[in-house]
C-alpha atoms as a PDB file:
ATOM      1  CA  MET A   1     105.138  46.941  85.076  1.00  0.00           C
ATOM      2  CA  ASP A   2     105.709  48.158  81.306  1.00  0.00           C
ATOM      3  CA  SER A   3     109.266  48.836  79.739  1.00  0.00           C
ATOM      4  CA  ILE A   4     109.653  52.360  78.489  1.00  0.00           C
ATOM      5  CA  ASN A   5     111.770  52.681  75.160  1.00  0.00           C
ATOM      6  CA  HIS A   6     110.458  55.790  72.979  1.00  0.00           C
ATOM      7  CA  ILE A   7     109.173  59.108  74.866  1.00  0.00           C
ATOM      8  CA  ALA A   8     107.951  62.021  72.527  1.00  0.00           C
ATOM      9  CA  ILE A   9     107.493  65.487  74.446  1.00  0.00           C
ATOM     10  CA  ILE A  10     105.518  68.603  73.418  1.00  0.00           C
ATOM     11  CA  MET A  11     107.516  71.060  75.025  1.00  0.00           C
ATOM     12  CA  ASP A  12     104.876  74.100  75.459  1.00  0.00           C
ATOM     13  CA  GLY A  13     104.816  76.976  77.400  1.00  0.00           C
ATOM     14  CA  ASN A  14     108.162  78.824  76.699  1.00  0.00           C
ATOM     15  CA  GLY A  15     106.261  81.904  75.660  1.00  0.00           C
ATOM     16  CA  ARG A  16     104.087  82.083  78.685  1.00  0.00           C
ATOM     17  CA  TRP A  17     106.886  81.505  81.175  1.00  0.00           C
ATOM     18  CA  ALA A  18     108.957  84.455  79.699  1.00  0.00           C
ATOM     19  CA  LYS A  19     105.552  86.424  80.027  1.00  0.00           C
ATOM     20  CA  ARG A  20     105.251  85.618  83.448  1.00  0.00           C
ATOM     21  CA  LYS A  21     108.845  86.862  84.418  1.00  0.00           C
ATOM     22  CA  GLN A  22     108.164  90.030  81.850  1.00  0.00           C
ATOM     23  CA  LYS A  23     110.738  88.899  79.680  1.00  0.00           C
ATOM     24  CA  GLU A  24     110.893  88.561  76.139  1.00  0.00           C
ATOM     25  CA  ARG A  25     109.242  85.074  74.484  1.00  0.00           C
ATOM     26  CA  SER A  26     112.950  84.455  73.193  1.00  0.00           C
ATOM     27  CA  VAL A  27     114.322  84.403  76.576  1.00  0.00           C
ATOM     28  CA  GLY A  28     111.653  81.439  77.088  1.00  0.00           C
ATOM     29  CA  HIS A  29     112.609  79.767  74.530  1.00  0.00           C
ATOM     30  CA  TYR A  30     116.658  80.288  75.345  1.00  0.00           C
ATOM     31  CA  TYR A  31     115.800  78.572  78.548  1.00  0.00           C
ATOM     32  CA  GLY A  32     113.716  75.864  76.952  1.00  0.00           C
ATOM     33  CA  SER A  33     116.927  74.935  75.107  1.00  0.00           C
ATOM     34  CA  GLU A  34     118.640  74.405  78.129  1.00  0.00           C
ATOM     35  CA  GLN A  35     116.050  71.713  79.485  1.00  0.00           C
ATOM     36  CA  VAL A  36     116.513  69.936  76.185  1.00  0.00           C
ATOM     37  CA  ARG A  37     120.040  69.148  77.358  1.00  0.00           C
ATOM     38  CA  GLU A  38     118.797  68.374  81.202  1.00  0.00           C
ATOM     39  CA  ILE A  39     115.831  66.003  79.904  1.00  0.00           C
ATOM     40  CA  ALA A  40     118.551  64.231  77.388  1.00  0.00           C
ATOM     41  CA  LEU A  41     121.067  63.171  80.324  1.00  0.00           C
ATOM     42  CA  ALA A  42     118.047  62.652  82.267  1.00  0.00           C
ATOM     43  CA  SER A  43     117.042  60.054  79.686  1.00  0.00           C
ATOM     44  CA  LEU A  44     120.680  58.704  79.116  1.00  0.00           C
ATOM     45  CA  ASP A  45     120.391  57.784  82.880  1.00  0.00           C
ATOM     46  CA  LEU A  46     117.255  56.254  82.870  1.00  0.00           C
ATOM     47  CA  GLY A  47     118.116  54.109  79.723  1.00  0.00           C
ATOM     48  CA  ILE A  48     115.465  55.484  77.637  1.00  0.00           C
ATOM     49  CA  LYS A  49     116.374  54.837  73.914  1.00  0.00           C
ATOM     50  CA  ALA A  50     114.378  57.439  72.166  1.00  0.00           C
ATOM     51  CA  LEU A  51     113.568  61.442  72.928  1.00  0.00           C
ATOM     52  CA  THR A  52     111.360  63.247  70.383  1.00  0.00           C
ATOM     53  CA  LEU A  53     110.872  66.379  70.514  1.00  0.00           C
ATOM     54  CA  TYR A  54     108.460  68.829  69.011  1.00  0.00           C
ATOM     55  CA  ALA A  55     110.569  71.760  68.328  1.00  0.00           C
ATOM     56  CA  PHE A  56     108.916  73.752  65.450  1.00  0.00           C
ATOM     57  CA  SER A  57     105.767  72.740  63.901  1.00  0.00           C
ATOM     58  CA  THR A  58     104.306  73.299  60.405  1.00  0.00           C
ATOM     59  CA  GLU A  59     101.529  75.951  62.373  1.00  0.00           C
ATOM     60  CA  ASN A  60     104.444  77.742  64.106  1.00  0.00           C
ATOM     61  CA  TRP A  61     105.201  79.709  60.693  1.00  0.00           C
ATOM     62  CA  LYS A  62     102.089  82.017  61.510  1.00  0.00           C
ATOM     63  CA  ARG A  63     104.117  83.484  64.608  1.00  0.00           C
ATOM     64  CA  PRO A  64     105.452  86.832  64.455  1.00  0.00           C
ATOM     65  CA  GLN A  65     108.665  86.693  61.836  1.00  0.00           C
ATOM     66  CA  LYS A  66     111.123  88.087  65.078  1.00  0.00           C
ATOM     67  CA  GLU A  67     109.858  84.688  66.943  1.00  0.00           C
ATOM     68  CA  ILE A  68     110.723  82.458  64.099  1.00  0.00           C
ATOM     69  CA  ASP A  69     113.924  84.153  63.265  1.00  0.00           C
ATOM     70  CA  TYR A  70     115.329  83.470  66.821  1.00  0.00           C
ATOM     71  CA  LEU A  71     113.919  79.756  66.655  1.00  0.00           C
ATOM     72  CA  MET A  72     115.564  79.485  63.488  1.00  0.00           C
ATOM     73  CA  MET A  73     118.781  80.333  64.948  1.00  0.00           C
ATOM     74  CA  LEU A  74     118.283  78.458  68.685  1.00  0.00           C
ATOM     75  CA  PRO A  75     119.714  75.314  66.963  1.00  0.00           C
ATOM     76  CA  GLU A  76     122.933  76.778  66.030  1.00  0.00           C
ATOM     77  CA  VAL A  77     123.084  78.150  69.937  1.00  0.00           C
ATOM     78  CA  PHE A  78     122.370  74.809  71.370  1.00  0.00           C
ATOM     79  CA  PHE A  79     124.481  72.337  69.323  1.00  0.00           C
ATOM     80  CA  LYS A  80     127.165  75.105  69.924  1.00  0.00           C
ATOM     81  CA  LYS A  81     127.064  74.614  73.432  1.00  0.00           C
ATOM     82  CA  PHE A  82     126.084  70.827  73.760  1.00  0.00           C
ATOM     83  CA  LEU A  83     126.775  69.148  70.990  1.00  0.00           C
ATOM     84  CA  LYS A  84     130.551  67.962  71.855  1.00  0.00           C
ATOM     85  CA  GLU A  85     128.738  66.533  75.416  1.00  0.00           C
ATOM     86  CA  LEU A  86     126.210  65.202  73.541  1.00  0.00           C
ATOM     87  CA  ASN A  87     128.552  63.040  71.156  1.00  0.00           C
ATOM     88  CA  GLU A  88     130.838  62.158  73.667  1.00  0.00           C
ATOM     89  CA  LYS A  89     127.963  60.798  75.773  1.00  0.00           C
ATOM     90  CA  GLY A  90     126.624  58.653  72.870  1.00  0.00           C
ATOM     91  CA  VAL A  91     123.671  60.724  71.908  1.00  0.00           C
ATOM     92  CA  ARG A  92     122.506  60.269  68.232  1.00  0.00           C
ATOM     93  CA  ILE A  93     120.876  63.699  66.844  1.00  0.00           C
ATOM     94  CA  MET A  94     117.906  63.054  64.567  1.00  0.00           C
ATOM     95  CA  THR A  95     115.186  64.645  62.835  1.00  0.00           C
ATOM     96  CA  ILE A  96     111.888  64.528  61.744  1.00  0.00           C
ATOM     97  CA  GLY A  97     109.526  66.668  59.879  1.00  0.00           C
ATOM     98  CA  ASP A  98     110.103  68.650  56.254  1.00  0.00           C
ATOM     99  CA  LEU A  99     113.516  70.350  56.635  1.00  0.00           C
ATOM    100  CA  THR A 100     112.738  72.037  52.731  1.00  0.00           C
ATOM    101  CA  PRO A 101     111.560  75.805  54.112  1.00  0.00           C
ATOM    102  CA  ILE A 102     114.028  75.839  56.665  1.00  0.00           C
ATOM    103  CA  PRO A 103     116.617  78.514  56.095  1.00  0.00           C
ATOM    104  CA  LEU A 104     119.421  77.060  54.923  1.00  0.00           C
ATOM    105  CA  LYS A 105     121.935  77.945  57.932  1.00  0.00           C
ATOM    106  CA  THR A 106     119.864  76.237  60.100  1.00  0.00           C
ATOM    107  CA  ARG A 107     119.361  72.803  58.099  1.00  0.00           C
ATOM    108  CA  LYS A 108     123.448  72.997  57.932  1.00  0.00           C
ATOM    109  CA  VAL A 109     123.349  73.186  61.732  1.00  0.00           C
ATOM    110  CA  MET A 110     120.965  69.859  61.707  1.00  0.00           C
ATOM    111  CA  GLU A 111     122.440  67.946  59.557  1.00  0.00           C
ATOM    112  CA  ARG A 112     126.342  68.467  60.872  1.00  0.00           C
ATOM    113  CA  ALA A 113     124.762  67.278  64.203  1.00  0.00           C
ATOM    114  CA  VAL A 114     122.804  64.503  62.315  1.00  0.00           C
ATOM    115  CA  GLU A 115     126.575  63.279  60.755  1.00  0.00           C
ATOM    116  CA  GLU A 116     128.812  64.440  63.851  1.00  0.00           C
ATOM    117  CA  THR A 117     126.427  61.331  65.798  1.00  0.00           C
ATOM    118  CA  LYS A 118     125.308  58.829  63.532  1.00  0.00           C
ATOM    119  CA  HIS A 119     127.297  56.336  64.647  1.00  0.00           C
ATOM    120  CA  ASN A 120     126.283  56.985  68.508  1.00  0.00           C
ATOM    121  CA  ARG A 121     123.625  54.499  70.166  1.00  0.00           C
ATOM    122  CA  LYS A 122     123.028  55.262  73.717  1.00  0.00           C
ATOM    123  CA  LEU A 123     119.988  57.726  72.928  1.00  0.00           C
ATOM    124  CA  ILE A 124     118.201  59.125  69.829  1.00  0.00           C
ATOM    125  CA  LEU A 125     117.677  62.629  70.494  1.00  0.00           C
ATOM    126  CA  ASN A 126     115.261  63.291  67.512  1.00  0.00           C
ATOM    127  CA  PHE A 127     114.052  66.875  66.632  1.00  0.00           C
ATOM    128  CA  ALA A 128     110.537  67.445  65.072  1.00  0.00           C
ATOM    129  CA  LEU A 129     111.537  70.521  62.995  1.00  0.00           C
ATOM    130  CA  ASN A 130     109.028  71.990  60.765  1.00  0.00           C
ATOM    131  CA  TYR A 131     106.688  69.042  61.635  1.00  0.00           C
ATOM    132  CA  GLY A 132     102.915  68.355  61.570  1.00  0.00           C
ATOM    133  CA  SER A 133     101.267  65.014  61.698  1.00  0.00           C
ATOM    134  CA  ARG A 134      98.686  65.530  58.486  1.00  0.00           C
ATOM    135  CA  ASP A 135     101.558  67.043  56.635  1.00  0.00           C
ATOM    136  CA  GLU A 136     103.837  63.705  57.360  1.00  0.00           C
ATOM    137  CA  ILE A 137     100.662  61.351  56.334  1.00  0.00           C
ATOM    138  CA  ILE A 138     100.188  63.524  53.376  1.00  0.00           C
ATOM    139  CA  ARG A 139     103.973  63.658  52.417  1.00  0.00           C
ATOM    140  CA  ALA A 140     103.547  59.256  53.167  1.00  0.00           C
ATOM    141  CA  VAL A 141     100.519  58.493  50.844  1.00  0.00           C
ATOM    142  CA  ASN A 142     101.655  60.670  48.241  1.00  0.00           C
ATOM    143  CA  GLN A 143     105.255  58.817  48.000  1.00  0.00           C
ATOM    144  CA  ILE A 144     102.946  55.633  48.537  1.00  0.00           C
ATOM    145  CA  ILE A 145     101.415  56.364  45.098  1.00  0.00           C
ATOM    146  CA  GLN A 146     104.699  57.452  43.503  1.00  0.00           C
ATOM    147  CA  ASP A 147     106.080  54.074  44.172  1.00  0.00           C
ATOM    148  CA  ASP A 148     102.961  52.453  42.673  1.00  0.00           C
ATOM    149  CA  VAL A 149     102.285  50.567  45.797  1.00  0.00           C
ATOM    150  CA  GLU A 150      99.122  47.841  45.412  1.00  0.00           C
ATOM    151  CA  THR A 151      98.222  47.125  48.481  1.00  0.00           C
ATOM    152  CA  VAL A 152      98.825  49.029  51.912  1.00  0.00           C
ATOM    153  CA  SER A 153      98.782  47.584  55.346  1.00  0.00           C
ATOM    154  CA  GLU A 154      99.807  49.157  58.752  1.00  0.00           C
ATOM    155  CA  ASP A 155     103.512  47.924  58.509  1.00  0.00           C
ATOM    156  CA  THR A 156     103.552  49.151  55.192  1.00  0.00           C
ATOM    157  CA  PHE A 157     102.424  52.620  55.190  1.00  0.00           C
ATOM    158  CA  GLU A 158     104.570  52.828  58.764  1.00  0.00           C
ATOM    159  CA  LEU A 159     107.569  52.150  56.197  1.00  0.00           C
ATOM    160  CA  TYR A 160     106.781  55.369  54.962  1.00  0.00           C
ATOM    161  CA  LEU A 161     106.740  57.631  57.997  1.00  0.00           C
ATOM    162  CA  ASP A 162     109.465  59.901  59.026  1.00  0.00           C
ATOM    163  CA  THR A 163     109.385  57.624  62.278  1.00  0.00           C
ATOM    164  CA  TYR A 164     110.189  54.797  60.483  1.00  0.00           C
ATOM    165  CA  GLY A 165     113.181  52.589  62.263  1.00  0.00           C
ATOM    166  CA  LEU A 166     112.193  54.233  65.720  1.00  0.00           C
ATOM    167  CA  ASP A 167     110.616  52.330  68.430  1.00  0.00           C
ATOM    168  CA  PRO A 168     106.914  52.316  69.254  1.00  0.00           C
ATOM    169  CA  ILE A 169     105.940  55.900  71.629  1.00  0.00           C
ATOM    170  CA  ASP A 170     105.385  54.526  74.966  1.00  0.00           C
ATOM    171  CA  LEU A 171     104.639  57.811  76.386  1.00  0.00           C
ATOM    172  CA  LEU A 172     103.518  61.695  75.623  1.00  0.00           C
ATOM    173  CA  ILE A 173     104.253  64.147  77.545  1.00  0.00           C
ATOM    174  CA  ARG A 174     102.659  67.724  77.528  1.00  0.00           C
ATOM    175  CA  THR A 175     104.298  70.625  79.504  1.00  0.00           C
ATOM    176  CA  GLY A 176     102.485  74.147  79.975  1.00  0.00           C
ATOM    177  CA  GLY A 177      99.197  73.009  81.281  1.00  0.00           C
ATOM    178  CA  GLU A 178      97.234  72.548  77.460  1.00  0.00           C
ATOM    179  CA  GLN A 179      95.916  68.960  76.965  1.00  0.00           C
ATOM    180  CA  ARG A 180      95.928  68.448  73.279  1.00  0.00           C
ATOM    181  CA  LEU A 181      98.027  66.838  70.629  1.00  0.00           C
ATOM    182  CA  SER A 182      98.348  70.029  68.316  1.00  0.00           C
ATOM    183  CA  ASN A 183      99.139  67.634  65.211  1.00  0.00           C
ATOM    184  CA  TYR A 184     101.784  65.784  66.936  1.00  0.00           C
ATOM    185  CA  LEU A 185     102.626  62.325  65.747  1.00  0.00           C
ATOM    186  CA  LEU A 186      99.125  61.291  65.212  1.00  0.00           C
ATOM    187  CA  TRP A 187      99.496  57.743  63.740  1.00  0.00           C
ATOM    188  CA  GLN A 188     102.475  57.277  66.244  1.00  0.00           C
ATOM    189  CA  LEU A 189     100.184  58.075  69.574  1.00  0.00           C
ATOM    190  CA  ALA A 190      97.556  55.900  68.607  1.00  0.00           C
ATOM    191  CA  TYR A 191      98.112  53.368  71.960  1.00  0.00           C
ATOM    192  CA  SER A 192     100.884  55.400  73.753  1.00  0.00           C
ATOM    193  CA  GLU A 193     100.126  56.923  77.328  1.00  0.00           C
ATOM    194  CA  LEU A 194      99.711  60.575  77.772  1.00  0.00           C
ATOM    195  CA  VAL A 195     100.578  62.732  80.550  1.00  0.00           C
ATOM    196  CA  PHE A 196      99.528  66.355  80.871  1.00  0.00           C
ATOM    197  CA  VAL A 197     101.662  68.769  83.333  1.00  0.00           C
ATOM    198  CA  ASP A 198     100.995  72.097  84.518  1.00  0.00           C
ATOM    199  CA  GLU A 199     104.781  73.347  84.357  1.00  0.00           C
ATOM    200  CA  ALA A 200     106.111  75.331  81.207  1.00  0.00           C
ATOM    201  CA  TRP A 201     108.911  73.413  79.480  1.00  0.00           C
ATOM    202  CA  PRO A 202     111.781  75.719  80.801  1.00  0.00           C
ATOM    203  CA  ASP A 203     110.402  74.508  84.405  1.00  0.00           C
ATOM    204  CA  PHE A 204     110.421  70.723  83.506  1.00  0.00           C
ATOM    205  CA  THR A 205     113.170  69.382  85.394  1.00  0.00           C
ATOM    206  CA  ARG A 206     114.476  65.879  85.817  1.00  0.00           C
ATOM    207  CA  LYS A 207     112.427  65.178  88.890  1.00  0.00           C
ATOM    208  CA  ILE A 208     108.940  65.740  87.220  1.00  0.00           C
ATOM    209  CA  PHE A 209     110.255  63.770  84.073  1.00  0.00           C
ATOM    210  CA  VAL A 210     111.020  60.805  86.615  1.00  0.00           C
ATOM    211  CA  GLN A 211     107.460  61.448  87.821  1.00  0.00           C
ATOM    212  CA  CYS A 212     106.051  61.417  84.853  1.00  0.00           C
ATOM    213  CA  ILE A 213     107.813  58.007  84.132  1.00  0.00           C
ATOM    214  CA  ASP A 214     106.683  56.528  87.154  1.00  0.00           C
ATOM    215  CA  ASP A 215     103.064  57.425  86.495  1.00  0.00           C
ATOM    216  CA  PHE A 216     103.646  55.455  83.289  1.00  0.00           C
ATOM    217  CA  LYS A 217     104.704  52.346  84.782  1.00  0.00           C
ATOM    218  CA  ASN A 218     101.777  52.460  87.165  1.00  0.00           C
ATOM    219  CA  ARG A 219      99.260  52.267  84.314  1.00  0.00           C
ATOM    220  CA  ASN A 220      97.718  49.294  83.045  1.00  0.00           C
ATOM    221  CA  ARG A 221      98.282  49.297  78.893  1.00  0.00           C
ATOM    222  CA  ARG A 222      95.883  46.880  77.295  1.00  0.00           C
ATOM    223  CA  PHE A 223      96.257  47.882  73.458  1.00  0.00           C
ATOM    224  CA  GLY A 224      92.629  47.607  73.422  1.00  0.00           C
ATOM    225  CA  GLY A 225      92.824  44.037  74.779  1.00  0.00           C
ATOM    226  CA  LEU A 226      91.942  43.009  78.480  1.00  0.00           C
ATOM    227  CA  ASN A 227      94.554  41.337  81.078  1.00  0.00           C
ATOM    228  CA  ASP A 228      92.357  39.746  83.402  1.00  0.00           C
ATOM    229  CA  VAL A 229      91.121  37.366  80.696  1.00  0.00           C
END
């Protein structure tokens, strides 16, 4: 049975969830943010060390401006409601992605949450914000060129990735019924286990989360080798 330290989640299906209920897409995003707390607390209880959530991709700027504005406002709502609790429970907030294009007010909210929780050690709650794996890799390559690195190994390259310092990702979960990676952590997921669930993110409960982890624990991870030789 493999231990599990780092889980990544593509929190998909918020808009479709809202549409089925004849609500605005923003309603789905709001209830989705409530599930972030639920799954973060479940991760704490289960001894998970890091939880990386796909909050806003580099491609999400193509969405209607009204929806983008709401998504940019949502971190303030979320942290105003839950940061004190998460901080008291030992959750450390981190971010990956290029925050440069993010509105200043939203950046400050994220930076404040990161600063206030930087000494916590029980769980890393890592938000991928304006994150795209291709963008991350290109940024890493450009920095390597700028640093005039002569020889690049896998270990060297990983020093330049946004996820440097985090445990390798054991499990990726995507909610909402879609079965693709959507430019998410392409380098990091090379040997991760993948689980796709039909439930939209607002319906992704602690029980389903545990089922995904149980599925992971029953798999035979060989990393390209053989376990029976």
